[in-house]
PDB file of N, CA and C in Angstrom:
ATOM      1  N   MET A   1       1.197  -1.011  -0.163  1.00  0.00           N
ATOM      2  CA  MET A   1      -0.114   0.087  -0.324  1.00  0.00           C
ATOM      3  C   MET A   1       1.034   1.149   0.174  1.00  0.00           C
ATOM      4  N   ASP A   2       0.391   2.415  -0.882  1.00  0.00           N
ATOM      5  CA  ASP A   2       1.196   2.769  -1.367  1.00  0.00           C
ATOM      6  C   ASP A   2       0.471   4.892  -0.298  1.00  0.00           C
ATOM      7  N   THR A   3       0.443   5.180   0.336  1.00  0.00           N
ATOM      8  CA  THR A   3      -1.269   5.730   0.997  1.00  0.00           C
ATOM      9  C   THR A   3      -1.157   7.655   0.154  1.00  0.00           C
ATOM     10  N   ASP A   4       0.644   7.816   0.088  1.00  0.00           N
ATOM     11  CA  ASP A   4       0.702   9.820   0.041  1.00  0.00           C
ATOM     12  C   ASP A   4       0.873   9.258  -1.641  1.00  0.00           C
ATOM     13  N   GLY A   5       0.836   8.146  -2.146  1.00  0.00           N
ATOM     14  CA  GLY A   5       1.015   8.089  -4.131  1.00  0.00           C
ATOM     15  C   GLY A   5       1.984   8.631  -4.293  1.00  0.00           C
ATOM     16  N   ASP A   6       3.414   8.474  -3.356  1.00  0.00           N
ATOM     17  CA  ASP A   6       4.558   8.639  -3.718  1.00  0.00           C
ATOM     18  C   ASP A   6       5.595   7.686  -4.357  1.00  0.00           C
ATOM     19  N   ARG A   7       5.148   6.791  -4.869  1.00  0.00           N
ATOM     20  CA  ARG A   7       5.832   5.336  -5.359  1.00  0.00           C
ATOM     21  C   ARG A   7       6.485   4.729  -4.685  1.00  0.00           C
ATOM     22  N   VAL A   8       6.097   4.516  -3.283  1.00  0.00           N
ATOM     23  CA  VAL A   8       7.857   4.059  -2.812  1.00  0.00           C
ATOM     24  C   VAL A   8       6.280   3.536  -1.206  1.00  0.00           C
ATOM     25  N   ILE A   9       6.387   2.455  -0.920  1.00  0.00           N
ATOM     26  CA  ILE A   9       4.701   1.285  -0.481  1.00  0.00           C
ATOM     27  C   ILE A   9       5.327   1.929   0.942  1.00  0.00           C
ATOM     28  N   ASN A  10       4.397   1.457   2.456  1.00  0.00           N
ATOM     29  CA  ASN A  10       3.931   2.709   3.356  1.00  0.00           C
ATOM     30  C   ASN A  10       5.337   1.975   3.728  1.00  0.00           C
ATOM     31  N   ASN A  11       5.865   0.644   3.940  1.00  0.00           N
ATOM     32  CA  ASN A  11       6.853   0.217   4.732  1.00  0.00           C
ATOM     33  C   ASN A  11       8.097   0.448   4.662  1.00  0.00           C
ATOM     34  N   ASP A  12       8.576   0.519   3.391  1.00  0.00           N
ATOM     35  CA  ASP A  12       9.354   1.524   2.868  1.00  0.00           C
ATOM     36  C   ASP A  12       9.987   2.578   3.576  1.00  0.00           C
ATOM     37  N   ASP A  13       7.979   3.257   2.899  1.00  0.00           N
ATOM     38  CA  ASP A  13       8.993   4.974   2.713  1.00  0.00           C
ATOM     39  C   ASP A  13       9.086   6.037   4.370  1.00  0.00           C
ATOM     40  N   HIS A  14       9.405   7.105   4.900  1.00  0.00           N
ATOM     41  CA  HIS A  14      10.068   7.426   6.189  1.00  0.00           C
ATOM     42  C   HIS A  14       8.786   8.554   6.364  1.00  0.00           C
ATOM     43  N   CYS A  15       7.909   8.413   5.754  1.00  0.00           N
ATOM     44  CA  CYS A  15       6.262   9.909   5.400  1.00  0.00           C
ATOM     45  C   CYS A  15       5.377   9.311   4.814  1.00  0.00           C
ATOM     46  N   PRO A  16       4.805   8.311   5.481  1.00  0.00           N
ATOM     47  CA  PRO A  16       3.921   7.233   4.233  1.00  0.00           C
ATOM     48  C   PRO A  16       2.877   8.476   4.483  1.00  0.00           C
ATOM     49  N   LEU A  17       2.697   9.551   5.168  1.00  0.00           N
ATOM     50  CA  LEU A  17       1.758  10.553   4.971  1.00  0.00           C
ATOM     51  C   LEU A  17       1.528  11.561   4.027  1.00  0.00           C
ATOM     52  N   ILE A  18       3.493  12.111   3.616  1.00  0.00           N
ATOM     53  CA  ILE A  18       3.511  13.257   2.895  1.00  0.00           C
ATOM     54  C   ILE A  18       4.336  12.797   1.839  1.00  0.00           C
ATOM     55  N   ALA A  19       4.245  12.761   0.652  1.00  0.00           N
ATOM     56  CA  ALA A  19       4.224  12.839  -0.696  1.00  0.00           C
ATOM     57  C   ALA A  19       5.600  12.552  -1.756  1.00  0.00           C
ATOM     58  N   ASN A  20       6.332  14.182  -0.602  1.00  0.00           N
ATOM     59  CA  ASN A  20       7.196  14.660  -1.377  1.00  0.00           C
ATOM     60  C   ASN A  20       8.284  14.111  -0.145  1.00  0.00           C
ATOM     61  N   ILE A  21       8.407  13.168   0.465  1.00  0.00           N
ATOM     62  CA  ILE A  21       9.463  12.956   1.126  1.00  0.00           C
ATOM     63  C   ILE A  21       9.463  11.243   1.416  1.00  0.00           C
ATOM     64  N   GLY A  22       9.932  10.634   0.756  1.00  0.00           N
ATOM     65  CA  GLY A  22      10.247   8.856   0.658  1.00  0.00           C
ATOM     66  C   GLY A  22      10.999   8.358   1.423  1.00  0.00           C
ATOM     67  N   ALA A  23      12.309   8.883   1.189  1.00  0.00           N
ATOM     68  CA  ALA A  23      13.451   8.795   2.114  1.00  0.00           C
ATOM     69  C   ALA A  23      14.078   9.684   2.194  1.00  0.00           C
ATOM     70  N   LEU A  24      14.922   9.146   3.146  1.00  0.00           N
ATOM     71  CA  LEU A  24      15.864   9.711   3.853  1.00  0.00           C
ATOM     72  C   LEU A  24      17.543   9.565   4.084  1.00  0.00           C
ATOM     73  N   ASN A  25      18.509  10.205   3.186  1.00  0.00           N
ATOM     74  CA  ASN A  25      19.761  10.099   3.444  1.00  0.00           C
ATOM     75  C   ASN A  25      20.361  10.685   3.908  1.00  0.00           C
ATOM     76  N   MET A  26      21.515   9.743   5.228  1.00  0.00           N
ATOM     77  CA  MET A  26      21.937  10.061   5.642  1.00  0.00           C
ATOM     78  C   MET A  26      23.145  10.536   5.341  1.00  0.00           C
ATOM     79  N   SER A  27      23.800  10.717   3.658  1.00  0.00           N
ATOM     80  CA  SER A  27      25.590  10.441   3.369  1.00  0.00           C
ATOM     81  C   SER A  27      25.632  11.697   3.274  1.00  0.00           C
ATOM     82  N   SER A  28      25.142  12.894   2.866  1.00  0.00           N
ATOM     83  CA  SER A  28      24.993  13.811   2.986  1.00  0.00           C
ATOM     84  C   SER A  28      24.134  14.798   4.714  1.00  0.00           C
ATOM     85  N   TYR A  29      24.356  15.498   5.260  1.00  0.00           N
ATOM     86  CA  TYR A  29      23.584  15.898   6.549  1.00  0.00           C
ATOM     87  C   TYR A  29      25.179  17.441   7.140  1.00  0.00           C
ATOM     88  N   ILE A  30      23.863  17.594   8.135  1.00  0.00           N
ATOM     89  CA  ILE A  30      24.492  18.519   8.923  1.00  0.00           C
ATOM     90  C   ILE A  30      24.276  18.544  10.261  1.00  0.00           C
ATOM     91  N   VAL A  31      24.781  18.526  11.086  1.00  0.00           N
ATOM     92  CA  VAL A  31      25.299  19.158  12.158  1.00  0.00           C
ATOM     93  C   VAL A  31      25.251  20.126  13.468  1.00  0.00           C
ATOM     94  N   ILE A  32      24.247  19.861  14.154  1.00  0.00           N
ATOM     95  CA  ILE A  32      23.800  21.032  14.708  1.00  0.00           C
ATOM     96  C   ILE A  32      23.936  20.617  16.310  1.00  0.00           C
ATOM     97  N   ASN A  33      24.782  21.566  16.811  1.00  0.00           N
ATOM     98  CA  ASN A  33      25.311  21.667  18.326  1.00  0.00           C
ATOM     99  C   ASN A  33      24.294  21.612  19.317  1.00  0.00           C
ATOM    100  N   LEU A  34      23.912  21.354  20.145  1.00  0.00           N
ATOM    101  CA  LEU A  34      23.083  21.391  20.705  1.00  0.00           C
ATOM    102  C   LEU A  34      23.221  22.710  21.960  1.00  0.00           C
ATOM    103  N   ASP A  35      24.378  22.143  22.754  1.00  0.00           N
ATOM    104  CA  ASP A  35      24.847  22.596  23.523  1.00  0.00           C
ATOM    105  C   ASP A  35      26.632  23.477  24.039  1.00  0.00           C
ATOM    106  N   PRO A  36      26.607  24.093  22.687  1.00  0.00           N
ATOM    107  CA  PRO A  36      28.168  24.803  22.628  1.00  0.00           C
ATOM    108  C   PRO A  36      29.011  25.158  23.725  1.00  0.00           C
ATOM    109  N   THR A  37      28.227  25.121  24.920  1.00  0.00           N
ATOM    110  CA  THR A  37      29.383  25.493  26.105  1.00  0.00           C
ATOM    111  C   THR A  37      29.551  24.073  26.755  1.00  0.00           C
ATOM    112  N   LEU A  38      29.085  22.899  26.141  1.00  0.00           N
ATOM    113  CA  LEU A  38      30.204  22.012  26.428  1.00  0.00           C
ATOM    114  C   LEU A  38      31.127  21.399  25.939  1.00  0.00           C
ATOM    115  N   THR A  39      32.695  20.664  26.200  1.00  0.00           N
ATOM    116  CA  THR A  39      33.720  20.618  25.979  1.00  0.00           C
ATOM    117  C   THR A  39      34.161  19.634  25.321  1.00  0.00           C
ATOM    118  N   ALA A  40      32.745  18.758  25.256  1.00  0.00           N
ATOM    119  CA  ALA A  40      32.859  17.051  25.156  1.00  0.00           C
ATOM    120  C   ALA A  40      33.334  16.853  23.725  1.00  0.00           C
ATOM    121  N   ASP A  41      33.853  15.423  23.826  1.00  0.00           N
ATOM    122  CA  ASP A  41      34.244  15.191  22.346  1.00  0.00           C
ATOM    123  C   ASP A  41      33.211  15.074  21.680  1.00  0.00           C
ATOM    124  N   ASP A  42      33.119  14.812  20.034  1.00  0.00           N
ATOM    125  CA  ASP A  42      31.810  15.210  19.570  1.00  0.00           C
ATOM    126  C   ASP A  42      31.472  13.315  19.348  1.00  0.00           C
ATOM    127  N   PRO A  43      30.171  12.845  19.661  1.00  0.00           N
ATOM    128  CA  PRO A  43      30.546  12.000  18.724  1.00  0.00           C
ATOM    129  C   PRO A  43      30.823  10.765  17.209  1.00  0.00           C
ATOM    130  N   ILE A  44      30.980   9.730  17.935  1.00  0.00           N
ATOM    131  CA  ILE A  44      31.489   9.404  16.370  1.00  0.00           C
ATOM    132  C   ILE A  44      30.775   8.713  15.730  1.00  0.00           C
ATOM    133  N   TRP A  45      29.914   8.805  14.393  1.00  0.00           N
ATOM    134  CA  TRP A  45      29.010   8.172  13.747  1.00  0.00           C
ATOM    135  C   TRP A  45      29.185   7.517  12.697  1.00  0.00           C
ATOM    136  N   GLU A  46      29.157   6.136  11.906  1.00  0.00           N
ATOM    137  CA  GLU A  46      29.283   5.367  11.166  1.00  0.00           C
ATOM    138  C   GLU A  46      27.371   5.141   9.873  1.00  0.00           C
ATOM    139  N   ILE A  47      28.494   5.941   8.280  1.00  0.00           N
ATOM    140  CA  ILE A  47      27.184   5.674   7.251  1.00  0.00           C
ATOM    141  C   ILE A  47      27.164   4.626   6.833  1.00  0.00           C
ATOM    142  N   LYS A  48      26.241   3.733   6.795  1.00  0.00           N
ATOM    143  CA  LYS A  48      26.458   2.259   6.094  1.00  0.00           C
ATOM    144  C   LYS A  48      25.100   2.723   5.160  1.00  0.00           C
ATOM    145  N   ASP A  49      25.580   1.596   4.135  1.00  0.00           N
ATOM    146  CA  ASP A  49      24.012   1.583   3.005  1.00  0.00           C
ATOM    147  C   ASP A  49      23.874   2.770   1.895  1.00  0.00           C
ATOM    148  N   ASP A  50      25.006   3.395   1.357  1.00  0.00           N
ATOM    149  CA  ASP A  50      24.730   4.476   0.303  1.00  0.00           C
ATOM    150  C   ASP A  50      23.844   5.678   1.477  1.00  0.00           C
ATOM    151  N   GLY A  51      24.232   5.322   2.966  1.00  0.00           N
ATOM    152  CA  GLY A  51      23.387   6.828   3.985  1.00  0.00           C
ATOM    153  C   GLY A  51      22.206   6.387   5.133  1.00  0.00           C
ATOM    154  N   ARG A  52      21.073   5.428   4.070  1.00  0.00           N
ATOM    155  CA  ARG A  52      20.189   4.664   4.969  1.00  0.00           C
ATOM    156  C   ARG A  52      20.393   4.338   6.077  1.00  0.00           C
ATOM    157  N   GLU A  53      21.634   4.041   6.652  1.00  0.00           N
ATOM    158  CA  GLU A  53      21.719   3.483   8.323  1.00  0.00           C
ATOM    159  C   GLU A  53      22.630   4.421   8.359  1.00  0.00           C
ATOM    160  N   ILE A  54      22.685   4.995   9.740  1.00  0.00           N
ATOM    161  CA  ILE A  54      23.060   5.472  10.470  1.00  0.00           C
ATOM    162  C   ILE A  54      23.322   4.878  11.882  1.00  0.00           C
ATOM    163  N   ARG A  55      24.959   4.453  12.278  1.00  0.00           N
ATOM    164  CA  ARG A  55      25.236   4.199  13.950  1.00  0.00           C
ATOM    165  C   ARG A  55      26.087   5.214  14.488  1.00  0.00           C
ATOM    166  N   GLN A  56      25.877   5.270  15.970  1.00  0.00           N
ATOM    167  CA  GLN A  56      26.782   5.345  16.421  1.00  0.00           C
ATOM    168  C   GLN A  56      27.877   4.808  17.619  1.00  0.00           C
ATOM    169  N   LEU A  57      29.129   5.489  16.866  1.00  0.00           N
ATOM    170  CA  LEU A  57      30.445   4.351  17.693  1.00  0.00           C
ATOM    171  C   LEU A  57      30.978   4.684  19.072  1.00  0.00           C
ATOM    172  N   ALA A  58      30.349   5.790  18.923  1.00  0.00           N
ATOM    173  CA  ALA A  58      31.359   6.396  20.105  1.00  0.00           C
ATOM    174  C   ALA A  58      30.175   7.372  21.266  1.00  0.00           C
ATOM    175  N   ILE A  59      29.893   6.670  22.202  1.00  0.00           N
ATOM    176  CA  ILE A  59      29.598   8.123  23.324  1.00  0.00           C
ATOM    177  C   ILE A  59      29.721   8.726  24.063  1.00  0.00           C
ATOM    178  N   THR A  60      29.237   9.587  23.906  1.00  0.00           N
ATOM    179  CA  THR A  60      29.882  10.929  24.258  1.00  0.00           C
ATOM    180  C   THR A  60      28.533  11.638  25.060  1.00  0.00           C
ATOM    181  N   GLU A  61      29.403  12.516  26.075  1.00  0.00           N
ATOM    182  CA  GLU A  61      28.484  13.763  27.020  1.00  0.00           C
ATOM    183  C   GLU A  61      27.900  14.995  25.554  1.00  0.00           C
ATOM    184  N   LYS A  62      28.226  15.487  24.738  1.00  0.00           N
ATOM    185  CA  LYS A  62      27.637  16.202  23.855  1.00  0.00           C
ATOM    186  C   LYS A  62      26.833  16.219  23.264  1.00  0.00           C
ATOM    187  N   PRO A  63      26.035  16.724  23.035  1.00  0.00           N
ATOM    188  CA  PRO A  63      24.620  16.836  22.100  1.00  0.00           C
ATOM    189  C   PRO A  63      24.450  17.398  21.109  1.00  0.00           C
ATOM    190  N   LEU A  64      24.650  16.191  20.007  1.00  0.00           N
ATOM    191  CA  LEU A  64      24.858  16.904  18.650  1.00  0.00           C
ATOM    192  C   LEU A  64      23.271  16.321  18.088  1.00  0.00           C
ATOM    193  N   MET A  65      23.294  16.883  17.081  1.00  0.00           N
ATOM    194  CA  MET A  65      21.639  16.241  16.576  1.00  0.00           C
ATOM    195  C   MET A  65      22.371  16.367  14.744  1.00  0.00           C
ATOM    196  N   LEU A  66      21.623  15.385  13.914  1.00  0.00           N
ATOM    197  CA  LEU A  66      22.147  15.047  12.901  1.00  0.00           C
ATOM    198  C   LEU A  66      21.213  15.100  11.479  1.00  0.00           C
ATOM    199  N   ILE A  67      21.027  16.153  10.926  1.00  0.00           N
ATOM    200  CA  ILE A  67      20.202  16.338   9.939  1.00  0.00           C
ATOM    201  C   ILE A  67      20.182  15.804   8.523  1.00  0.00           C
ATOM    202  N   GLY A  68      19.369  14.843   8.171  1.00  0.00           N
ATOM    203  CA  GLY A  68      20.074  14.534   6.987  1.00  0.00           C
ATOM    204  C   GLY A  68      18.923  14.679   5.570  1.00  0.00           C
ATOM    205  N   GLN A  69      19.272  14.821   4.295  1.00  0.00           N
ATOM    206  CA  GLN A  69      18.042  15.614   3.639  1.00  0.00           C
ATOM    207  C   GLN A  69      17.446  14.221   2.956  1.00  0.00           C
ATOM    208  N   PHE A  70      16.245  15.034   2.517  1.00  0.00           N
ATOM    209  CA  PHE A  70      15.487  14.175   2.367  1.00  0.00           C
ATOM    210  C   PHE A  70      15.510  13.765   0.746  1.00  0.00           C
ATOM    211  N   SER A  71      15.013  12.655   0.012  1.00  0.00           N
ATOM    212  CA  SER A  71      14.470  12.217  -1.431  1.00  0.00           C
ATOM    213  C   SER A  71      12.956  11.951  -1.291  1.00  0.00           C
ATOM    214  N   SER A  72      12.992  12.101  -2.769  1.00  0.00           N
ATOM    215  CA  SER A  72      11.437  11.449  -3.460  1.00  0.00           C
ATOM    216  C   SER A  72      11.230  10.560  -3.729  1.00  0.00           C
TER     217      SER A  72
END
């Protein structure tokens, strides 16, 4: 079933109710530092499967957020 009509079935669709967002690709991302006053080390991430999977390799106290690009 493809509820939003974007030709991506609901099970594979990151946003099954919004037609112009079918997938998230983390091969291109921006990092937002949520606490610039904290001097801890940055987390270390591994990007796999052409950017479709992300895994944090090192735990840290520093809160960062990754924002990837959406594709339809």
